Amino acid sequence: MRKITERTNEEKKTRRNQFLVGGLLILVMVLSVLGYSLGRNNQEEEAEKVIYNGYEFTKTNDFWTTTIGSFQFSFKYNPYETEKISSQINYLNTYSNKPLYLSGGNMEAETEIYRNLFYQTGIAQRVQYACLQGEKCEDGSFPIKNCTDNFVIIRENNQSDILSQNKSEIKQQDGCVFITGISENLTSTVDSFLFKIMGISE
């Protein structure tokens, strides 16, 4: 009788321990899920956002993203971090379904145009390096183009040149856009150009 009682007590103790362990595991899992959800919500709430002229920009992986129609664009800078352009330039529809030619030497600035006007959106038919007619062409394999085509020419000035002009410069000449600035500011100036052609900035 004593052995049966002892066995029954042991079984009860074992079952109680199993319930305790199972309950603890369930509690840990529930708390983990809650913690993950709360952490994710906090991250979403803490995402950096700015509103500019009615366009919302969210910072994601070091890029400022915004959506216009069915297109999502991403920029290194938001409009508050760039200069306003006073010159008249053609708008985005000018680049739609046409080849876009590019000349420069500043990879980050060129990538900004390539990503937003072709790779990420497919707005331009293609983006291709070219040389401007009448200027020295270092790469003989590039086609020679003039301003009858959509052509973005990015030029780096040295520090003294920019100081004499006091700012970066963007000029439209027929189909050509000339973007000029010191190396450190060229990507920001390219973003100013993109904000302008998209109608984000005036």
C-alpha atoms as a PDB file:
ATOM      1  CA  MET A   1       0.000   0.000   0.000  1.00  0.00           C
ATOM      2  CA  ARG A   2       2.820   2.360   0.906  1.00  0.00           C
ATOM      3  CA  LYS A   3       4.555   1.625  -2.433  1.00  0.00           C
ATOM      4  CA  ILE A   4       1.390   2.389  -4.388  1.00  0.00           C
ATOM      5  CA  THR A   5       0.957   5.646  -2.450  1.00  0.00           C
ATOM      6  CA  GLU A   6       4.595   6.607  -3.061  1.00  0.00           C
ATOM      7  CA  ARG A   7       4.261   5.809  -6.782  1.00  0.00           C
ATOM      8  CA  THR A   8       1.071   7.879  -6.993  1.00  0.00           C
ATOM      9  CA  ASN A   9       2.795  10.812  -5.252  1.00  0.00           C
ATOM     10  CA  GLU A  10       5.764  10.564  -7.613  1.00  0.00           C
ATOM     11  CA  GLU A  11       3.471  10.515 -10.643  1.00  0.00           C
ATOM     12  CA  LYS A  12       1.629  13.570  -9.334  1.00  0.00           C
ATOM     13  CA  LYS A  13       4.943  15.353  -8.731  1.00  0.00           C
ATOM     14  CA  THR A  14       6.168  14.431 -12.235  1.00  0.00           C
ATOM     15  CA  ARG A  15       2.938  15.660 -13.854  1.00  0.00           C
ATOM     16  CA  ARG A  16       3.107  18.892 -11.809  1.00  0.00           C
ATOM     17  CA  ASN A  17       6.695  19.461 -12.927  1.00  0.00           C
ATOM     18  CA  GLN A  18       5.755  18.804 -16.552  1.00  0.00           C
ATOM     19  CA  PHE A  19       2.881  21.296 -16.299  1.00  0.00           C
ATOM     20  CA  LEU A  20       5.221  23.875 -14.745  1.00  0.00           C
ATOM     21  CA  VAL A  21       7.882  23.404 -17.425  1.00  0.00           C
ATOM     22  CA  GLY A  22       5.261  23.466 -20.205  1.00  0.00           C
ATOM     23  CA  GLY A  23       3.655  26.577 -18.721  1.00  0.00           C
ATOM     24  CA  LEU A  24       7.034  28.318 -18.477  1.00  0.00           C
ATOM     25  CA  LEU A  25       7.840  27.481 -22.108  1.00  0.00           C
ATOM     26  CA  ILE A  26       4.472  28.827 -23.279  1.00  0.00           C
ATOM     27  CA  LEU A  27       5.009  31.980 -21.202  1.00  0.00           C
ATOM     28  CA  VAL A  28       8.493  32.488 -22.681  1.00  0.00           C
ATOM     29  CA  MET A  29       7.138  32.060 -26.227  1.00  0.00           C
ATOM     30  CA  VAL A  30       4.252  34.464 -25.625  1.00  0.00           C
ATOM     31  CA  LEU A  31       6.588  37.074 -24.113  1.00  0.00           C
ATOM     32  CA  SER A  32       9.018  36.632 -27.037  1.00  0.00           C
ATOM     33  CA  VAL A  33       6.252  37.211 -29.596  1.00  0.00           C
ATOM     34  CA  LEU A  34       4.985  40.243 -27.661  1.00  0.00           C
ATOM     35  CA  GLY A  35       8.508  41.623 -27.353  1.00  0.00           C
ATOM     36  CA  TYR A  36       9.135  41.183 -31.084  1.00  0.00           C
ATOM     37  CA  SER A  37       5.821  42.841 -31.965  1.00  0.00           C
ATOM     38  CA  LEU A  38       6.400  45.756 -29.615  1.00  0.00           C
ATOM     39  CA  GLY A  39       9.965  46.174 -30.867  1.00  0.00           C
ATOM     40  CA  ARG A  40       8.800  46.162 -34.464  1.00  0.00           C
ATOM     41  CA  ASN A  41       6.078  48.711 -33.720  1.00  0.00           C
ATOM     42  CA  ASN A  42       8.617  50.926 -31.948  1.00  0.00           C
ATOM     43  CA  GLN A  43      10.962  50.689 -34.936  1.00  0.00           C
ATOM     44  CA  GLU A  44       8.144  51.664 -37.280  1.00  0.00           C
ATOM     45  CA  GLU A  45       7.158  54.541 -35.027  1.00  0.00           C
ATOM     46  CA  GLU A  46      10.772  55.691 -34.767  1.00  0.00           C
ATOM     47  CA  ALA A  47      11.336  55.602 -38.565  1.00  0.00           C
ATOM     48  CA  GLU A  48      12.494  59.056 -39.638  1.00  0.00           C
ATOM     49  CA  LYS A  49       9.909  60.840 -41.802  1.00  0.00           C
ATOM     50  CA  VAL A  50       9.589  64.303 -43.327  1.00  0.00           C
ATOM     51  CA  ILE A  51       6.798  65.943 -45.319  1.00  0.00           C
ATOM     52  CA  TYR A  52       7.762  68.312 -48.133  1.00  0.00           C
ATOM     53  CA  ASN A  53       5.137  69.968 -50.384  1.00  0.00           C
ATOM     54  CA  GLY A  54       2.726  67.158 -49.546  1.00  0.00           C
ATOM     55  CA  TYR A  55       5.208  64.356 -50.321  1.00  0.00           C
ATOM     56  CA  GLU A  56       6.149  62.019 -47.476  1.00  0.00           C
ATOM     57  CA  PHE A  57       9.773  60.864 -47.327  1.00  0.00           C
ATOM     58  CA  THR A  58      10.784  57.937 -45.104  1.00  0.00           C
ATOM     59  CA  LYS A  59      14.395  57.096 -44.341  1.00  0.00           C
ATOM     60  CA  THR A  60      15.085  53.423 -45.056  1.00  0.00           C
ATOM     61  CA  ASN A  61      18.578  51.906 -45.206  1.00  0.00           C
ATOM     62  CA  ASP A  62      20.235  55.327 -45.567  1.00  0.00           C
ATOM     63  CA  PHE A  63      17.922  56.401 -48.418  1.00  0.00           C
ATOM     64  CA  TRP A  64      14.929  58.737 -48.375  1.00  0.00           C
ATOM     65  CA  THR A  65      12.052  57.060 -50.210  1.00  0.00           C
ATOM     66  CA  THR A  66       8.808  58.517 -51.551  1.00  0.00           C
ATOM     67  CA  THR A  67       6.051  57.257 -53.839  1.00  0.00           C
ATOM     68  CA  ILE A  68       4.633  59.214 -56.773  1.00  0.00           C
ATOM     69  CA  GLY A  69       1.845  57.431 -58.606  1.00  0.00           C
ATOM     70  CA  SER A  70       3.013  53.859 -59.163  1.00  0.00           C
ATOM     71  CA  PHE A  71       6.703  54.728 -58.834  1.00  0.00           C
ATOM     72  CA  GLN A  72       8.830  54.512 -55.703  1.00  0.00           C
ATOM     73  CA  PHE A  73      11.894  56.742 -55.730  1.00  0.00           C
ATOM     74  CA  SER A  74      14.868  56.739 -53.368  1.00  0.00           C
ATOM     75  CA  PHE A  75      17.334  59.552 -52.773  1.00  0.00           C
ATOM     76  CA  LYS A  76      20.495  60.061 -50.771  1.00  0.00           C
ATOM     77  CA  TYR A  77      19.081  63.365 -49.480  1.00  0.00           C
ATOM     78  CA  ASN A  78      15.618  64.674 -48.683  1.00  0.00           C
ATOM     79  CA  PRO A  79      14.427  67.995 -50.205  1.00  0.00           C
ATOM     80  CA  TYR A  80      15.214  69.954 -47.020  1.00  0.00           C
ATOM     81  CA  GLU A  81      18.884  68.924 -47.375  1.00  0.00           C
ATOM     82  CA  THR A  82      19.293  70.174 -50.948  1.00  0.00           C
ATOM     83  CA  GLU A  83      19.494  73.542 -52.680  1.00  0.00           C
ATOM     84  CA  LYS A  84      16.468  74.917 -54.501  1.00  0.00           C
ATOM     85  CA  ILE A  85      16.873  75.302 -58.248  1.00  0.00           C
ATOM     86  CA  SER A  86      15.871  78.620 -59.747  1.00  0.00           C
ATOM     87  CA  SER A  87      16.500  77.646 -63.375  1.00  0.00           C
ATOM     88  CA  GLN A  88      13.826  76.238 -65.702  1.00  0.00           C
ATOM     89  CA  ILE A  89      14.274  72.560 -66.551  1.00  0.00           C
ATOM     90  CA  ASN A  90      12.171  69.960 -68.328  1.00  0.00           C
ATOM     91  CA  TYR A  91       9.854  67.745 -66.280  1.00  0.00           C
ATOM     92  CA  LEU A  92       9.816  63.973 -65.798  1.00  0.00           C
ATOM     93  CA  ASN A  93       7.556  63.163 -68.763  1.00  0.00           C
ATOM     94  CA  THR A  94      10.356  64.410 -71.047  1.00  0.00           C
ATOM     95  CA  TYR A  95      12.367  61.308 -70.080  1.00  0.00           C
ATOM     96  CA  SER A  96       9.561  58.765 -70.445  1.00  0.00           C
ATOM     97  CA  ASN A  97      10.275  55.853 -72.833  1.00  0.00           C
ATOM     98  CA  LYS A  98      13.302  57.563 -74.353  1.00  0.00           C
ATOM     99  CA  PRO A  99      17.018  56.780 -74.062  1.00  0.00           C
ATOM    100  CA  LEU A 100      18.853  58.870 -71.468  1.00  0.00           C
ATOM    101  CA  TYR A 101      22.531  59.577 -72.043  1.00  0.00           C
ATOM    102  CA  LEU A 102      24.892  60.284 -69.198  1.00  0.00           C
ATOM    103  CA  SER A 103      28.340  61.820 -68.950  1.00  0.00           C
ATOM    104  CA  GLY A 104      30.209  62.434 -65.742  1.00  0.00           C
ATOM    105  CA  GLY A 105      32.794  60.762 -63.577  1.00  0.00           C
ATOM    106  CA  ASN A 106      31.132  60.950 -60.163  1.00  0.00           C
ATOM    107  CA  MET A 107      29.794  57.437 -59.574  1.00  0.00           C
ATOM    108  CA  GLU A 108      27.473  58.258 -56.665  1.00  0.00           C
ATOM    109  CA  ALA A 109      25.810  61.137 -58.520  1.00  0.00           C
ATOM    110  CA  GLU A 110      25.444  59.064 -61.696  1.00  0.00           C
ATOM    111  CA  THR A 111      23.961  56.148 -59.725  1.00  0.00           C
ATOM    112  CA  GLU A 112      21.347  58.494 -58.253  1.00  0.00           C
ATOM    113  CA  ILE A 113      20.082  59.273 -61.775  1.00  0.00           C
ATOM    114  CA  TYR A 114      20.361  55.666 -62.986  1.00  0.00           C
ATOM    115  CA  ARG A 115      18.417  54.296 -60.000  1.00  0.00           C
ATOM    116  CA  ASN A 116      15.578  56.820 -60.105  1.00  0.00           C
ATOM    117  CA  LEU A 117      15.081  57.264 -63.839  1.00  0.00           C
ATOM    118  CA  PHE A 118      15.674  53.698 -64.967  1.00  0.00           C
ATOM    119  CA  TYR A 119      16.659  50.840 -62.652  1.00  0.00           C
ATOM    120  CA  GLN A 120      13.991  51.351 -59.984  1.00  0.00           C
ATOM    121  CA  THR A 121      11.246  52.848 -62.161  1.00  0.00           C
ATOM    122  CA  GLY A 122      11.828  52.040 -65.842  1.00  0.00           C
ATOM    123  CA  ILE A 123      10.898  55.614 -66.782  1.00  0.00           C
ATOM    124  CA  ALA A 124      13.737  55.999 -69.290  1.00  0.00           C
ATOM    125  CA  GLN A 125      14.016  53.411 -72.057  1.00  0.00           C
ATOM    126  CA  ARG A 126      17.645  52.897 -71.057  1.00  0.00           C
ATOM    127  CA  VAL A 127      20.559  54.830 -69.535  1.00  0.00           C
ATOM    128  CA  GLN A 128      23.810  54.860 -71.472  1.00  0.00           C
ATOM    129  CA  TYR A 129      27.137  56.640 -71.151  1.00  0.00           C
ATOM    130  CA  ALA A 130      27.934  59.005 -74.018  1.00  0.00           C
ATOM    131  CA  CYS A 131      30.261  61.834 -74.986  1.00  0.00           C
ATOM    132  CA  LEU A 132      29.051  65.350 -75.748  1.00  0.00           C
ATOM    133  CA  GLN A 133      29.670  66.417 -79.309  1.00  0.00           C
ATOM    134  CA  GLY A 134      32.514  68.926 -79.596  1.00  0.00           C
ATOM    135  CA  GLU A 135      34.166  67.890 -76.306  1.00  0.00           C
ATOM    136  CA  LYS A 136      37.133  65.608 -75.733  1.00  0.00           C
ATOM    137  CA  CYS A 137      35.992  62.015 -75.303  1.00  0.00           C
ATOM    138  CA  GLU A 138      38.256  59.856 -73.157  1.00  0.00           C
ATOM    139  CA  ASP A 139      36.449  56.615 -74.021  1.00  0.00           C
ATOM    140  CA  GLY A 140      36.264  56.010 -77.760  1.00  0.00           C
ATOM    141  CA  SER A 141      33.619  53.297 -77.305  1.00  0.00           C
ATOM    142  CA  PHE A 142      30.971  55.792 -76.104  1.00  0.00           C
ATOM    143  CA  PRO A 143      28.571  57.209 -78.709  1.00  0.00           C
ATOM    144  CA  ILE A 144      28.818  60.906 -79.530  1.00  0.00           C
ATOM    145  CA  LYS A 145      25.560  62.714 -78.690  1.00  0.00           C
ATOM    146  CA  ASN A 146      24.297  66.299 -78.766  1.00  0.00           C
ATOM    147  CA  CYS A 147      21.472  68.192 -77.115  1.00  0.00           C
ATOM    148  CA  THR A 148      18.800  66.851 -79.457  1.00  0.00           C
ATOM    149  CA  ASP A 149      18.840  63.811 -77.131  1.00  0.00           C
ATOM    150  CA  ASN A 150      18.055  63.589 -73.413  1.00  0.00           C
ATOM    151  CA  PHE A 151      21.548  64.025 -72.039  1.00  0.00           C
ATOM    152  CA  VAL A 152      22.656  64.686 -68.438  1.00  0.00           C
ATOM    153  CA  ILE A 153      26.208  66.010 -68.135  1.00  0.00           C
ATOM    154  CA  ILE A 154      27.644  66.002 -64.603  1.00  0.00           C
ATOM    155  CA  ARG A 155      30.760  68.095 -64.118  1.00  0.00           C
ATOM    156  CA  GLU A 156      33.020  68.459 -61.106  1.00  0.00           C
ATOM    157  CA  ASN A 157      34.474  71.893 -60.438  1.00  0.00           C
ATOM    158  CA  ASN A 158      37.333  72.499 -58.072  1.00  0.00           C
ATOM    159  CA  GLN A 159      36.812  74.360 -54.804  1.00  0.00           C
ATOM    160  CA  SER A 160      37.979  77.769 -56.127  1.00  0.00           C
ATOM    161  CA  ASP A 161      35.617  77.615 -59.127  1.00  0.00           C
ATOM    162  CA  ILE A 162      32.631  76.958 -56.879  1.00  0.00           C
ATOM    163  CA  LEU A 163      33.627  79.656 -54.410  1.00  0.00           C
ATOM    164  CA  SER A 164      33.606  82.181 -57.245  1.00  0.00           C
ATOM    165  CA  GLN A 165      30.078  81.031 -58.227  1.00  0.00           C
ATOM    166  CA  ASN A 166      28.918  80.685 -54.580  1.00  0.00           C
ATOM    167  CA  LYS A 167      26.818  77.594 -55.350  1.00  0.00           C
ATOM    168  CA  SER A 168      26.275  74.520 -57.504  1.00  0.00           C
ATOM    169  CA  GLU A 169      24.612  75.020 -60.859  1.00  0.00           C
ATOM    170  CA  ILE A 170      21.993  73.247 -62.991  1.00  0.00           C
ATOM    171  CA  LYS A 171      21.247  74.449 -66.531  1.00  0.00           C
ATOM    172  CA  GLN A 172      18.925  73.131 -69.242  1.00  0.00           C
ATOM    173  CA  GLN A 173      19.999  73.611 -72.854  1.00  0.00           C
ATOM    174  CA  ASP A 174      17.571  71.934 -75.251  1.00  0.00           C
ATOM    175  CA  GLY A 175      17.743  68.229 -74.293  1.00  0.00           C
ATOM    176  CA  CYS A 176      20.936  68.635 -72.250  1.00  0.00           C
ATOM    177  CA  VAL A 177      21.077  69.224 -68.505  1.00  0.00           C
ATOM    178  CA  PHE A 178      24.406  70.452 -67.142  1.00  0.00           C
ATOM    179  CA  ILE A 179      24.882  69.733 -63.422  1.00  0.00           C
ATOM    180  CA  THR A 180      27.973  71.360 -61.951  1.00  0.00           C
ATOM    181  CA  GLY A 181      29.421  71.371 -58.434  1.00  0.00           C
ATOM    182  CA  ILE A 182      32.248  70.242 -56.233  1.00  0.00           C
ATOM    183  CA  SER A 183      32.605  66.501 -55.746  1.00  0.00           C
ATOM    184  CA  GLU A 184      31.194  66.507 -52.174  1.00  0.00           C
ATOM    185  CA  ASN A 185      27.972  68.265 -53.273  1.00  0.00           C
ATOM    186  CA  LEU A 186      27.247  66.619 -56.625  1.00  0.00           C
ATOM    187  CA  THR A 187      24.883  63.926 -55.332  1.00  0.00           C
ATOM    188  CA  SER A 188      22.921  66.552 -53.403  1.00  0.00           C
ATOM    189  CA  THR A 189      22.760  68.706 -56.547  1.00  0.00           C
ATOM    190  CA  VAL A 190      21.586  65.724 -58.603  1.00  0.00           C
ATOM    191  CA  ASP A 191      18.830  65.155 -56.024  1.00  0.00           C
ATOM    192  CA  SER A 192      17.824  68.824 -56.421  1.00  0.00           C
ATOM    193  CA  PHE A 193      17.553  68.177 -60.156  1.00  0.00           C
ATOM    194  CA  LEU A 194      15.447  65.032 -59.593  1.00  0.00           C
ATOM    195  CA  PHE A 195      13.121  66.794 -57.110  1.00  0.00           C
ATOM    196  CA  LYS A 196      12.615  69.550 -59.663  1.00  0.00           C
ATOM    197  CA  ILE A 197      11.794  67.329 -62.656  1.00  0.00           C
ATOM    198  CA  MET A 198       9.410  65.262 -60.518  1.00  0.00           C
ATOM    199  CA  GLY A 199       7.523  68.358 -59.378  1.00  0.00           C
ATOM    200  CA  ILE A 200       8.442  67.756 -55.730  1.00  0.00           C
ATOM    201  CA  SER A 201      10.181  71.111 -55.475  1.00  0.00           C
ATOM    202  CA  GLU A 202       9.267  74.246 -57.386  1.00  0.00           C
END
